[in-house]
Amino acid sequence: MPRRNFLKTAGAAAAAALPATRLFAQGPQLDMARLITGFAAGGTSDTLCRRLASRMTGGYARSVIVENRTGAGGQIAIQAMKSLAADGTSILQTPMSMLGIYPHIYKKLPYEPLKDLTPVSIGCVFDFGFAVGPAVPASVTTVPQYLAWAKSSNNVAFGSPAAGSVPHFIGVLLGRQGGIELTHIPYRGTQPAILDMIGGQLPAVSGPIGDFLPHLAGGKCRILATSGAARNQFVGNVPTFTEQGLKDMAFSEWFGLFMPAGASAEVVQRASAALRPALASPEIVEGLAAMGLKAESSTPAELAARLKADHDRWGPIVKSIGFTAES
């Protein structure tokens, strides 16, 4: 290796190995910061926040705590950001749906996603799966075969973690492409739906891939397709919807981190710089992988662009389906 390139590489490696306090010398260390989630302790959103808080303590701030502001499907936490200081002491972590889909299904929201929040970084991304259980014949191994079976047997029910969720809409769009109206049954979370499916009371479930992983080994649950643009790393043997000839069926979800509107570029960049190594740490990468999530960071501009694209994409989809929170 030429000496110049070697020194450049060695310098980059040395910078990556610097203690957190040195990494954030670009701004004063905060006494305390909080990561806010709209979901209860023990869930996926809370788990990600707690892992991030652990990694950011001592560098970004002397103390980083997690605050659970639950209620209204994540809306309470987002609304709360409007009254908090935009000084870096409060960072919201929320799924995309609350920002990209809720504006299209609720007539009134207590926040404006594109105006009331300042993007900082993506936290993780994940795909969805469409799975079937013992109520569906073992000979059904693809989505087209499932749609043909559902139509011929008039067994058209499928479950999802919630009405108005991405898995709900995936099931509706799937039925439309197959020329059949699948009947949606909303549950309070994916696991209750999966338990009914593996118990034979429900034919199929649409939900996050990570929720299916613990149930695959027994053979009572099998994923027919995944929703990503490419095959999912956690179930690489399962083809995507698009691979099976279903058009415009590439959907992923992400968790993003935001500050209140008005946060300065310096404050945002400092938080983004703290999150980047935290999200690349083996503790978080491996911990999220166990839940079917891929840890990922981004620049604030990249997150802003992704939110805008998802917000604009879901508007026409929701309108075509005709679903509202009041329906």
C-alpha atoms as a PDB file:
ATOM      1  CA  MET A   1       0.000   0.000   0.000  1.00  0.00           C
ATOM      2  CA  PRO A   2       1.444   3.438  -0.890  1.00  0.00           C
ATOM      3  CA  ARG A   3       2.525   5.354   2.216  1.00  0.00           C
ATOM      4  CA  ARG A   4       0.005   8.170   1.596  1.00  0.00           C
ATOM      5  CA  ASN A   5      -2.919   5.757   1.376  1.00  0.00           C
ATOM      6  CA  PHE A   6      -1.665   3.847   4.390  1.00  0.00           C
ATOM      7  CA  LEU A   7      -1.506   6.992   6.495  1.00  0.00           C
ATOM      8  CA  LYS A   8      -4.991   8.010   5.325  1.00  0.00           C
ATOM      9  CA  THR A   9      -6.401   4.591   6.232  1.00  0.00           C
ATOM     10  CA  ALA A  10      -4.589   4.489   9.558  1.00  0.00           C
ATOM     11  CA  GLY A  11      -5.850   7.949  10.405  1.00  0.00           C
ATOM     12  CA  ALA A  12      -9.442   6.987   9.674  1.00  0.00           C
ATOM     13  CA  ALA A  13      -9.106   3.864  11.818  1.00  0.00           C
ATOM     14  CA  ALA A  14      -7.618   5.866  14.657  1.00  0.00           C
ATOM     15  CA  ALA A  15     -10.460   8.382  14.502  1.00  0.00           C
ATOM     16  CA  ALA A  16     -13.000   5.576  14.625  1.00  0.00           C
ATOM     17  CA  ALA A  17     -11.324   4.253  17.765  1.00  0.00           C
ATOM     18  CA  LEU A  18     -11.372   7.559  19.651  1.00  0.00           C
ATOM     19  CA  PRO A  19     -13.348   7.658  22.909  1.00  0.00           C
ATOM     20  CA  ALA A  20     -16.829   9.097  22.688  1.00  0.00           C
ATOM     21  CA  THR A  21     -15.762  12.215  24.581  1.00  0.00           C
ATOM     22  CA  ARG A  22     -13.208  13.015  21.887  1.00  0.00           C
ATOM     23  CA  LEU A  23     -15.638  12.288  19.075  1.00  0.00           C
ATOM     24  CA  PHE A  24     -18.040  14.912  20.356  1.00  0.00           C
ATOM     25  CA  ALA A  25     -15.525  17.602  21.191  1.00  0.00           C
ATOM     26  CA  GLN A  26     -17.190  19.607  18.419  1.00  0.00           C
ATOM     27  CA  GLY A  27     -19.860  20.653  20.931  1.00  0.00           C
ATOM     28  CA  PRO A  28     -20.324  20.782  24.707  1.00  0.00           C
ATOM     29  CA  GLN A  29     -21.384  17.545  26.356  1.00  0.00           C
ATOM     30  CA  LEU A  30     -24.964  17.730  27.597  1.00  0.00           C
ATOM     31  CA  ASP A  31     -25.719  17.023  31.230  1.00  0.00           C
ATOM     32  CA  MET A  32     -28.778  14.967  30.332  1.00  0.00           C
ATOM     33  CA  ALA A  33     -30.613  13.913  27.172  1.00  0.00           C
ATOM     34  CA  ARG A  34     -33.651  11.766  26.627  1.00  0.00           C
ATOM     35  CA  LEU A  35     -34.754   9.424  23.884  1.00  0.00           C
ATOM     36  CA  ILE A  36     -38.531   9.546  23.582  1.00  0.00           C
ATOM     37  CA  THR A  37     -40.651   6.693  22.244  1.00  0.00           C
ATOM     38  CA  GLY A  38     -44.402   6.524  21.862  1.00  0.00           C
ATOM     39  CA  PHE A  39     -44.514   2.851  22.804  1.00  0.00           C
ATOM     40  CA  ALA A  40     -44.384   0.851  26.007  1.00  0.00           C
ATOM     41  CA  ALA A  41     -41.330  -0.622  27.690  1.00  0.00           C
ATOM     42  CA  GLY A  42     -40.277  -4.006  26.354  1.00  0.00           C
ATOM     43  CA  GLY A  43     -41.376  -3.436  22.750  1.00  0.00           C
ATOM     44  CA  THR A  44     -39.166  -3.064  19.697  1.00  0.00           C
ATOM     45  CA  SER A  45     -39.168   0.742  19.734  1.00  0.00           C
ATOM     46  CA  ASP A  46     -38.341   0.862  23.446  1.00  0.00           C
ATOM     47  CA  THR A  47     -35.598  -1.749  23.071  1.00  0.00           C
ATOM     48  CA  LEU A  48     -33.877   0.235  20.328  1.00  0.00           C
ATOM     49  CA  CYS A  49     -34.056   3.416  22.427  1.00  0.00           C
ATOM     50  CA  ARG A  50     -32.531   1.707  25.461  1.00  0.00           C
ATOM     51  CA  ARG A  51     -29.663   0.271  23.457  1.00  0.00           C
ATOM     52  CA  LEU A  52     -28.980   3.665  21.915  1.00  0.00           C
ATOM     53  CA  ALA A  53     -29.171   5.390  25.298  1.00  0.00           C
ATOM     54  CA  SER A  54     -26.560   3.019  26.665  1.00  0.00           C
ATOM     55  CA  ARG A  55     -24.175   3.713  23.776  1.00  0.00           C
ATOM     56  CA  MET A  56     -24.673   7.494  23.858  1.00  0.00           C
ATOM     57  CA  THR A  57     -24.234   7.916  27.618  1.00  0.00           C
ATOM     58  CA  GLY A  58     -20.870   9.430  28.470  1.00  0.00           C
ATOM     59  CA  GLY A  59     -20.312  10.842  24.998  1.00  0.00           C
ATOM     60  CA  TYR A  60     -23.314  12.697  23.690  1.00  0.00           C
ATOM     61  CA  ALA A  61     -24.492  13.444  27.231  1.00  0.00           C
ATOM     62  CA  ARG A  62     -23.398  12.497  30.734  1.00  0.00           C
ATOM     63  CA  SER A  63     -26.744  10.745  31.113  1.00  0.00           C
ATOM     64  CA  VAL A  64     -29.149   9.548  28.407  1.00  0.00           C
ATOM     65  CA  ILE A  65     -32.504   8.204  29.547  1.00  0.00           C
ATOM     66  CA  VAL A  66     -35.508   6.690  27.778  1.00  0.00           C
ATOM     67  CA  GLU A  67     -38.921   8.272  28.196  1.00  0.00           C
ATOM     68  CA  ASN A  68     -42.041   6.316  27.182  1.00  0.00           C
ATOM     69  CA  ARG A  69     -44.872   8.677  26.222  1.00  0.00           C
ATOM     70  CA  THR A  70     -47.422   6.121  25.143  1.00  0.00           C
ATOM     71  CA  GLY A  71     -50.872   6.550  23.657  1.00  0.00           C
ATOM     72  CA  ALA A  72     -52.836   7.105  20.450  1.00  0.00           C
ATOM     73  CA  GLY A  73     -50.663   4.775  18.416  1.00  0.00           C
ATOM     74  CA  GLY A  74     -47.516   6.859  18.893  1.00  0.00           C
ATOM     75  CA  GLN A  75     -49.187  10.232  18.372  1.00  0.00           C
ATOM     76  CA  ILE A  76     -48.742  11.443  21.968  1.00  0.00           C
ATOM     77  CA  ALA A  77     -44.950  11.265  21.792  1.00  0.00           C
ATOM     78  CA  ILE A  78     -44.804  13.102  18.464  1.00  0.00           C
ATOM     79  CA  GLN A  79     -47.165  15.804  19.675  1.00  0.00           C
ATOM     80  CA  ALA A  80     -45.039  16.280  22.797  1.00  0.00           C
ATOM     81  CA  MET A  81     -42.032  17.252  20.678  1.00  0.00           C
ATOM     82  CA  LYS A  82     -43.761  20.482  19.691  1.00  0.00           C
ATOM     83  CA  SER A  83     -43.368  21.881  23.213  1.00  0.00           C
ATOM     84  CA  LEU A  84     -39.818  20.665  23.914  1.00  0.00           C
ATOM     85  CA  ALA A  85     -36.613  22.644  23.522  1.00  0.00           C
ATOM     86  CA  ALA A  86     -34.794  22.130  20.218  1.00  0.00           C
ATOM     87  CA  ASP A  87     -31.406  22.111  21.939  1.00  0.00           C
ATOM     88  CA  GLY A  88     -30.495  18.449  21.513  1.00  0.00           C
ATOM     89  CA  THR A  89     -31.762  17.307  24.905  1.00  0.00           C
ATOM     90  CA  SER A  90     -34.838  15.597  23.421  1.00  0.00           C
ATOM     91  CA  ILE A  91     -34.724  13.087  20.549  1.00  0.00           C
ATOM     92  CA  LEU A  92     -37.822  11.271  19.334  1.00  0.00           C
ATOM     93  CA  GLN A  93     -37.643   7.771  17.891  1.00  0.00           C
ATOM     94  CA  THR A  94     -40.701   6.797  15.852  1.00  0.00           C
ATOM     95  CA  PRO A  95     -41.727   4.380  13.092  1.00  0.00           C
ATOM     96  CA  MET A  96     -42.352   5.820   9.634  1.00  0.00           C
ATOM     97  CA  SER A  97     -46.075   5.016   9.708  1.00  0.00           C
ATOM     98  CA  MET A  98     -46.871   7.711  12.264  1.00  0.00           C
ATOM     99  CA  LEU A  99     -45.335  10.293   9.924  1.00  0.00           C
ATOM    100  CA  GLY A 100     -45.850   8.906   6.420  1.00  0.00           C
ATOM    101  CA  ILE A 101     -49.214   7.106   6.683  1.00  0.00           C
ATOM    102  CA  TYR A 102     -51.147   8.634   9.590  1.00  0.00           C
ATOM    103  CA  PRO A 103     -51.584  11.985   7.770  1.00  0.00           C
ATOM    104  CA  HIS A 104     -53.542  10.122   5.095  1.00  0.00           C
ATOM    105  CA  ILE A 105     -55.815   8.095   7.389  1.00  0.00           C
ATOM    106  CA  TYR A 106     -56.597  10.634  10.127  1.00  0.00           C
ATOM    107  CA  LYS A 107     -58.636  13.712   9.265  1.00  0.00           C
ATOM    108  CA  LYS A 108     -56.921  15.613  12.062  1.00  0.00           C
ATOM    109  CA  LEU A 109     -53.538  14.996  13.659  1.00  0.00           C
ATOM    110  CA  PRO A 110     -52.055  16.952  16.566  1.00  0.00           C
ATOM    111  CA  TYR A 111     -48.842  17.428  14.568  1.00  0.00           C
ATOM    112  CA  GLU A 112     -47.575  18.069  11.045  1.00  0.00           C
ATOM    113  CA  PRO A 113     -44.848  15.510  10.277  1.00  0.00           C
ATOM    114  CA  LEU A 114     -43.000  17.548   7.668  1.00  0.00           C
ATOM    115  CA  LYS A 115     -43.072  20.774   9.707  1.00  0.00           C
ATOM    116  CA  ASP A 116     -42.980  19.937  13.412  1.00  0.00           C
ATOM    117  CA  LEU A 117     -39.929  17.661  13.412  1.00  0.00           C
ATOM    118  CA  THR A 118     -36.275  17.996  12.418  1.00  0.00           C
ATOM    119  CA  PRO A 119     -34.800  14.792  10.919  1.00  0.00           C
ATOM    120  CA  VAL A 120     -31.601  13.485  12.525  1.00  0.00           C
ATOM    121  CA  SER A 121     -30.969   9.881  11.397  1.00  0.00           C
ATOM    122  CA  ILE A 122     -32.619   6.631  10.443  1.00  0.00           C
ATOM    123  CA  GLY A 123     -32.255   4.027  13.200  1.00  0.00           C
ATOM    124  CA  CYS A 124     -33.198   0.754  11.533  1.00  0.00           C
ATOM    125  CA  VAL A 125     -35.163  -0.699   8.627  1.00  0.00           C
ATOM    126  CA  PHE A 126     -37.259  -3.834   8.284  1.00  0.00           C
ATOM    127  CA  ASP A 127     -39.431  -5.696   5.803  1.00  0.00           C
ATOM    128  CA  PHE A 128     -42.760  -7.441   6.110  1.00  0.00           C
ATOM    129  CA  GLY A 129     -43.732 -11.004   5.377  1.00  0.00           C
ATOM    130  CA  PHE A 130     -46.932 -12.731   4.315  1.00  0.00           C
ATOM    131  CA  ALA A 131     -47.186 -16.066   6.108  1.00  0.00           C
ATOM    132  CA  VAL A 132     -49.604 -18.968   6.250  1.00  0.00           C
ATOM    133  CA  GLY A 133     -50.275 -21.675   8.806  1.00  0.00           C
ATOM    134  CA  PRO A 134     -51.722 -25.224   8.973  1.00  0.00           C
ATOM    135  CA  ALA A 135     -55.124 -24.060   7.702  1.00  0.00           C
ATOM    136  CA  VAL A 136     -53.477 -23.654   4.279  1.00  0.00           C
ATOM    137  CA  PRO A 137     -52.417 -26.862   2.463  1.00  0.00           C
ATOM    138  CA  ALA A 138     -48.687 -27.629   2.530  1.00  0.00           C
ATOM    139  CA  SER A 139     -48.755 -27.728  -1.260  1.00  0.00           C
ATOM    140  CA  VAL A 140     -49.278 -23.952  -1.271  1.00  0.00           C
ATOM    141  CA  THR A 141     -45.739 -22.534  -1.364  1.00  0.00           C
ATOM    142  CA  THR A 142     -46.089 -19.288  -3.346  1.00  0.00           C
ATOM    143  CA  VAL A 143     -48.297 -16.215  -3.212  1.00  0.00           C
ATOM    144  CA  PRO A 144     -50.025 -16.963  -6.556  1.00  0.00           C
ATOM    145  CA  GLN A 145     -50.825 -20.456  -5.263  1.00  0.00           C
ATOM    146  CA  TYR A 146     -52.172 -18.990  -2.028  1.00  0.00           C
ATOM    147  CA  LEU A 147     -54.399 -16.534  -3.889  1.00  0.00           C
ATOM    148  CA  ALA A 148     -55.747 -19.341  -6.072  1.00  0.00           C
ATOM    149  CA  TRP A 149     -56.424 -21.473  -2.993  1.00  0.00           C
ATOM    150  CA  ALA A 150     -58.109 -18.601  -1.119  1.00  0.00           C
ATOM    151  CA  LYS A 151     -60.355 -17.923  -4.098  1.00  0.00           C
ATOM    152  CA  SER A 152     -61.327 -21.550  -4.665  1.00  0.00           C
ATOM    153  CA  SER A 153     -61.902 -22.323  -0.970  1.00  0.00           C
ATOM    154  CA  ASN A 154     -63.417 -18.935  -0.107  1.00  0.00           C
ATOM    155  CA  ASN A 155     -61.024 -18.835   2.839  1.00  0.00           C
ATOM    156  CA  VAL A 156     -60.043 -15.205   2.459  1.00  0.00           C
ATOM    157  CA  ALA A 157     -59.259 -13.924   5.972  1.00  0.00           C
ATOM    158  CA  PHE A 158     -55.855 -12.576   6.948  1.00  0.00           C
ATOM    159  CA  GLY A 159     -54.633 -10.909  10.126  1.00  0.00           C
ATOM    160  CA  SER A 160     -52.356  -7.928  10.731  1.00  0.00           C
ATOM    161  CA  PRO A 161     -51.039  -6.104  13.807  1.00  0.00           C
ATOM    162  CA  ALA A 162     -53.425  -3.157  13.359  1.00  0.00           C
ATOM    163  CA  ALA A 163     -55.920  -1.497  11.058  1.00  0.00           C
ATOM    164  CA  GLY A 164     -54.235   1.188   8.995  1.00  0.00           C
ATOM    165  CA  SER A 165     -50.798  -0.428   9.300  1.00  0.00           C
ATOM    166  CA  VAL A 166     -48.485  -1.267   6.404  1.00  0.00           C
ATOM    167  CA  PRO A 167     -49.186  -5.026   6.830  1.00  0.00           C
ATOM    168  CA  HIS A 168     -52.927  -4.286   6.592  1.00  0.00           C
ATOM    169  CA  PHE A 169     -52.469  -2.426   3.322  1.00  0.00           C
ATOM    170  CA  ILE A 170     -50.110  -5.086   1.944  1.00  0.00           C
ATOM    171  CA  GLY A 171     -52.839  -7.692   2.402  1.00  0.00           C
ATOM    172  CA  VAL A 172     -55.428  -5.528   0.669  1.00  0.00           C
ATOM    173  CA  LEU A 173     -53.121  -4.794  -2.273  1.00  0.00           C
ATOM    174  CA  LEU A 174     -52.181  -8.460  -2.490  1.00  0.00           C
ATOM    175  CA  GLY A 175     -55.809  -9.481  -2.857  1.00  0.00           C
ATOM    176  CA  ARG A 176     -56.423  -6.851  -5.512  1.00  0.00           C
ATOM    177  CA  GLN A 177     -53.565  -8.129  -7.621  1.00  0.00           C
ATOM    178  CA  GLY A 178     -54.968 -11.630  -7.313  1.00  0.00           C
ATOM    179  CA  GLY A 179     -58.492 -10.555  -8.239  1.00  0.00           C
ATOM    180  CA  ILE A 180     -59.887 -11.419  -4.827  1.00  0.00           C
ATOM    181  CA  GLU A 181     -60.982  -9.339  -1.846  1.00  0.00           C
ATOM    182  CA  LEU A 182     -59.119 -10.600   1.196  1.00  0.00           C
ATOM    183  CA  THR A 183     -60.898  -9.965   4.507  1.00  0.00           C
ATOM    184  CA  HIS A 184     -58.762  -8.064   6.975  1.00  0.00           C
ATOM    185  CA  ILE A 185     -58.874  -8.971  10.677  1.00  0.00           C
ATOM    186  CA  PRO A 186     -56.998  -6.435  12.837  1.00  0.00           C
ATOM    187  CA  TYR A 187     -55.265  -7.621  15.999  1.00  0.00           C
ATOM    188  CA  ARG A 188     -53.549  -5.792  18.829  1.00  0.00           C
ATOM    189  CA  GLY A 189     -50.079  -6.703  17.622  1.00  0.00           C
ATOM    190  CA  THR A 190     -48.712  -9.389  15.337  1.00  0.00           C
ATOM    191  CA  GLN A 191     -48.132 -12.131  17.912  1.00  0.00           C
ATOM    192  CA  PRO A 192     -51.820 -12.714  18.762  1.00  0.00           C
ATOM    193  CA  ALA A 193     -52.538 -13.049  15.050  1.00  0.00           C
ATOM    194  CA  ILE A 194     -49.669 -15.503  14.592  1.00  0.00           C
ATOM    195  CA  LEU A 195     -50.892 -17.610  17.508  1.00  0.00           C
ATOM    196  CA  ASP A 196     -54.324 -17.876  15.896  1.00  0.00           C
ATOM    197  CA  MET A 197     -52.672 -18.741  12.587  1.00  0.00           C
ATOM    198  CA  ILE A 198     -50.452 -21.527  13.920  1.00  0.00           C
ATOM    199  CA  GLY A 199     -53.456 -22.769  15.891  1.00  0.00           C
ATOM    200  CA  GLY A 200     -55.394 -23.184  12.652  1.00  0.00           C
ATOM    201  CA  GLN A 201     -58.042 -20.519  13.332  1.00  0.00           C
ATOM    202  CA  LEU A 202     -56.643 -18.040  10.804  1.00  0.00           C
ATOM    203  CA  PRO A 203     -55.181 -18.894   7.372  1.00  0.00           C
ATOM    204  CA  ALA A 204     -52.672 -16.085   6.932  1.00  0.00           C
ATOM    205  CA  VAL A 205     -50.947 -13.144   8.622  1.00  0.00           C
ATOM    206  CA  SER A 206     -49.219 -10.082   7.208  1.00  0.00           C
ATOM    207  CA  GLY A 207     -46.654  -8.616   9.596  1.00  0.00           C
ATOM    208  CA  PRO A 208     -43.027  -7.666  10.279  1.00  0.00           C
ATOM    209  CA  ILE A 209     -40.602 -10.450   9.420  1.00  0.00           C
ATOM    210  CA  GLY A 210     -39.036 -10.394  12.866  1.00  0.00           C
ATOM    211  CA  ASP A 211     -42.344 -11.409  14.456  1.00  0.00           C
ATOM    212  CA  PHE A 212     -42.413 -14.629  12.428  1.00  0.00           C
ATOM    213  CA  LEU A 213     -38.817 -15.725  13.074  1.00  0.00           C
ATOM    214  CA  PRO A 214     -39.414 -17.529  16.406  1.00  0.00           C
ATOM    215  CA  HIS A 215     -42.195 -19.616  14.821  1.00  0.00           C
ATOM    216  CA  LEU A 216     -40.518 -20.842  11.634  1.00  0.00           C
ATOM    217  CA  ALA A 217     -38.540 -23.769  13.033  1.00  0.00           C
ATOM    218  CA  GLY A 218     -41.613 -25.753  14.067  1.00  0.00           C
ATOM    219  CA  GLY A 219     -43.012 -25.815  10.540  1.00  0.00           C
ATOM    220  CA  LYS A 220     -46.480 -24.544  11.496  1.00  0.00           C
ATOM    221  CA  CYS A 221     -45.675 -21.139  10.061  1.00  0.00           C
ATOM    222  CA  ARG A 222     -44.192 -20.525   6.641  1.00  0.00           C
ATOM    223  CA  ILE A 223     -43.511 -17.202   4.947  1.00  0.00           C
ATOM    224  CA  LEU A 224     -44.608 -17.139   1.309  1.00  0.00           C
ATOM    225  CA  ALA A 225     -43.134 -13.757   0.382  1.00  0.00           C
ATOM    226  CA  THR A 226     -41.250 -10.774   1.753  1.00  0.00           C
ATOM    227  CA  SER A 227     -41.960  -7.134   0.969  1.00  0.00           C
ATOM    228  CA  GLY A 228     -38.518  -5.632   0.372  1.00  0.00           C
ATOM    229  CA  ALA A 229     -37.003  -4.551  -2.911  1.00  0.00           C
ATOM    230  CA  ALA A 230     -34.506  -7.416  -2.465  1.00  0.00           C
ATOM    231  CA  ARG A 231     -34.616 -10.656  -0.504  1.00  0.00           C
ATOM    232  CA  ASN A 232     -34.527 -10.215   3.242  1.00  0.00           C
ATOM    233  CA  GLN A 233     -31.273 -11.155   4.956  1.00  0.00           C
ATOM    234  CA  PHE A 234     -33.047 -13.047   7.737  1.00  0.00           C
ATOM    235  CA  VAL A 235     -35.067 -15.335   5.446  1.00  0.00           C
ATOM    236  CA  GLY A 236     -32.955 -15.333   2.305  1.00  0.00           C
ATOM    237  CA  ASN A 237     -34.659 -18.422   0.879  1.00  0.00           C
ATOM    238  CA  VAL A 238     -38.033 -16.630   0.634  1.00  0.00           C
ATOM    239  CA  PRO A 239     -38.690 -14.731  -2.615  1.00  0.00           C
ATOM    240  CA  THR A 240     -40.077 -11.202  -2.610  1.00  0.00           C
ATOM    241  CA  PHE A 241     -43.529 -10.224  -3.828  1.00  0.00           C
ATOM    242  CA  THR A 242     -42.011  -8.652  -6.935  1.00  0.00           C
ATOM    243  CA  GLU A 243     -40.039 -11.824  -7.714  1.00  0.00           C
ATOM    244  CA  GLN A 244     -43.380 -13.621  -7.798  1.00  0.00           C
ATOM    245  CA  GLY A 245     -44.796 -11.248 -10.391  1.00  0.00           C
ATOM    246  CA  LEU A 246     -46.648  -8.843  -8.092  1.00  0.00           C
ATOM    247  CA  LYS A 247     -46.087  -5.289  -9.296  1.00  0.00           C
ATOM    248  CA  ASP A 248     -45.441  -2.278  -7.058  1.00  0.00           C
ATOM    249  CA  MET A 249     -45.320  -4.473  -3.967  1.00  0.00           C
ATOM    250  CA  ALA A 250     -41.965  -3.378  -2.534  1.00  0.00           C
ATOM    251  CA  PHE A 251     -42.516  -1.955   0.957  1.00  0.00           C
ATOM    252  CA  SER A 252     -40.182  -1.449   3.899  1.00  0.00           C
ATOM    253  CA  GLU A 253     -40.573   0.416   7.158  1.00  0.00           C
ATOM    254  CA  TRP A 254     -38.016   2.329   9.194  1.00  0.00           C
ATOM    255  CA  PHE A 255     -37.588   3.817  12.626  1.00  0.00           C
ATOM    256  CA  GLY A 256     -36.256   7.362  12.516  1.00  0.00           C
ATOM    257  CA  LEU A 257     -34.830   9.796  15.060  1.00  0.00           C
ATOM    258  CA  PHE A 258     -36.007  13.387  15.134  1.00  0.00           C
ATOM    259  CA  MET A 259     -35.662  16.606  17.113  1.00  0.00           C
ATOM    260  CA  PRO A 260     -38.246  19.349  17.539  1.00  0.00           C
ATOM    261  CA  ALA A 261     -38.597  21.843  14.701  1.00  0.00           C
ATOM    262  CA  GLY A 262     -36.106  24.666  14.919  1.00  0.00           C
ATOM    263  CA  ALA A 263     -33.094  22.615  15.974  1.00  0.00           C
ATOM    264  CA  SER A 264     -29.946  24.196  14.580  1.00  0.00           C
ATOM    265  CA  ALA A 265     -27.748  22.455  12.030  1.00  0.00           C
ATOM    266  CA  GLU A 266     -24.957  22.252  14.610  1.00  0.00           C
ATOM    267  CA  VAL A 267     -27.185  20.551  17.192  1.00  0.00           C
ATOM    268  CA  VAL A 268     -28.579  18.116  14.620  1.00  0.00           C
ATOM    269  CA  GLN A 269     -25.164  17.210  13.246  1.00  0.00           C
ATOM    270  CA  ARG A 270     -23.824  16.555  16.730  1.00  0.00           C
ATOM    271  CA  ALA A 271     -26.659  14.132  17.461  1.00  0.00           C
ATOM    272  CA  SER A 272     -26.258  12.490  14.063  1.00  0.00           C
ATOM    273  CA  ALA A 273     -22.541  12.037  14.725  1.00  0.00           C
ATOM    274  CA  ALA A 274     -23.329  10.393  18.064  1.00  0.00           C
ATOM    275  CA  LEU A 275     -25.883   8.031  16.574  1.00  0.00           C
ATOM    276  CA  ARG A 276     -23.718   6.832  13.688  1.00  0.00           C
ATOM    277  CA  PRO A 277     -21.174   4.815  15.739  1.00  0.00           C
ATOM    278  CA  ALA A 278     -23.869   3.695  18.171  1.00  0.00           C
ATOM    279  CA  LEU A 279     -25.933   2.166  15.366  1.00  0.00           C
ATOM    280  CA  ALA A 280     -22.818   0.490  13.933  1.00  0.00           C
ATOM    281  CA  SER A 281     -21.837  -1.123  17.251  1.00  0.00           C
ATOM    282  CA  PRO A 282     -22.034  -4.945  17.409  1.00  0.00           C
ATOM    283  CA  GLU A 283     -24.297  -4.712  20.471  1.00  0.00           C
ATOM    284  CA  ILE A 284     -26.974  -2.862  18.531  1.00  0.00           C
ATOM    285  CA  VAL A 285     -26.461  -4.541  15.147  1.00  0.00           C
ATOM    286  CA  GLU A 286     -26.699  -8.032  16.641  1.00  0.00           C
ATOM    287  CA  GLY A 287     -29.442  -7.099  19.088  1.00  0.00           C
ATOM    288  CA  LEU A 288     -31.662  -5.698  16.360  1.00  0.00           C
ATOM    289  CA  ALA A 289     -30.900  -8.607  14.028  1.00  0.00           C
ATOM    290  CA  ALA A 290     -32.379 -10.971  16.610  1.00  0.00           C
ATOM    291  CA  MET A 291     -35.654  -9.073  16.099  1.00  0.00           C
ATOM    292  CA  GLY A 292     -35.447  -9.073  12.293  1.00  0.00           C
ATOM    293  CA  LEU A 293     -34.308  -5.450  12.133  1.00  0.00           C
ATOM    294  CA  LYS A 294     -31.342  -4.079  10.207  1.00  0.00           C
ATOM    295  CA  ALA A 295     -29.494  -1.315  12.049  1.00  0.00           C
ATOM    296  CA  GLU A 296     -28.856   1.620   9.740  1.00  0.00           C
ATOM    297  CA  SER A 297     -27.886   5.270  10.085  1.00  0.00           C
ATOM    298  CA  SER A 298     -28.218   8.183   7.690  1.00  0.00           C
ATOM    299  CA  THR A 299     -27.561  11.872   7.332  1.00  0.00           C
ATOM    300  CA  PRO A 300     -30.338  14.262   8.356  1.00  0.00           C
ATOM    301  CA  ALA A 301     -30.858  15.150   4.681  1.00  0.00           C
ATOM    302  CA  GLU A 302     -31.215  11.484   3.710  1.00  0.00           C
ATOM    303  CA  LEU A 303     -33.848  10.921   6.390  1.00  0.00           C
ATOM    304  CA  ALA A 304     -35.745  14.052   5.314  1.00  0.00           C
ATOM    305  CA  ALA A 305     -35.793  12.846   1.718  1.00  0.00           C
ATOM    306  CA  ARG A 306     -36.921   9.366   2.719  1.00  0.00           C
ATOM    307  CA  LEU A 307     -39.752  10.697   4.858  1.00  0.00           C
ATOM    308  CA  LYS A 308     -40.952  12.979   2.072  1.00  0.00           C
ATOM    309  CA  ALA A 309     -40.849  10.129  -0.469  1.00  0.00           C
ATOM    310  CA  ASP A 310     -42.793   7.739   1.792  1.00  0.00           C
ATOM    311  CA  HIS A 311     -45.311  10.426   2.735  1.00  0.00           C
ATOM    312  CA  ASP A 312     -45.976  11.174  -0.931  1.00  0.00           C
ATOM    313  CA  ARG A 313     -46.101   7.504  -1.943  1.00  0.00           C
ATOM    314  CA  TRP A 314     -48.618   6.432   0.676  1.00  0.00           C
ATOM    315  CA  GLY A 315     -51.121   9.202  -0.030  1.00  0.00           C
ATOM    316  CA  PRO A 316     -52.446   7.729  -3.307  1.00  0.00           C
ATOM    317  CA  ILE A 317     -52.279   4.165  -1.940  1.00  0.00           C
ATOM    318  CA  VAL A 318     -54.404   4.968   1.102  1.00  0.00           C
ATOM    319  CA  LYS A 319     -56.833   6.936  -1.045  1.00  0.00           C
ATOM    320  CA  SER A 320     -57.239   4.048  -3.492  1.00  0.00           C
ATOM    321  CA  ILE A 321     -57.906   1.627  -0.636  1.00  0.00           C
ATOM    322  CA  GLY A 322     -60.392   4.041   0.889  1.00  0.00           C
ATOM    323  CA  PHE A 323     -59.366   3.436   4.480  1.00  0.00           C
ATOM    324  CA  THR A 324     -59.671   6.109   7.175  1.00  0.00           C
ATOM    325  CA  ALA A 325     -59.238   5.870  10.937  1.00  0.00           C
ATOM    326  CA  GLU A 326     -62.994   6.320  11.234  1.00  0.00           C
ATOM    327  CA  SER A 327     -63.867   3.570   8.755  1.00  0.00           C
END
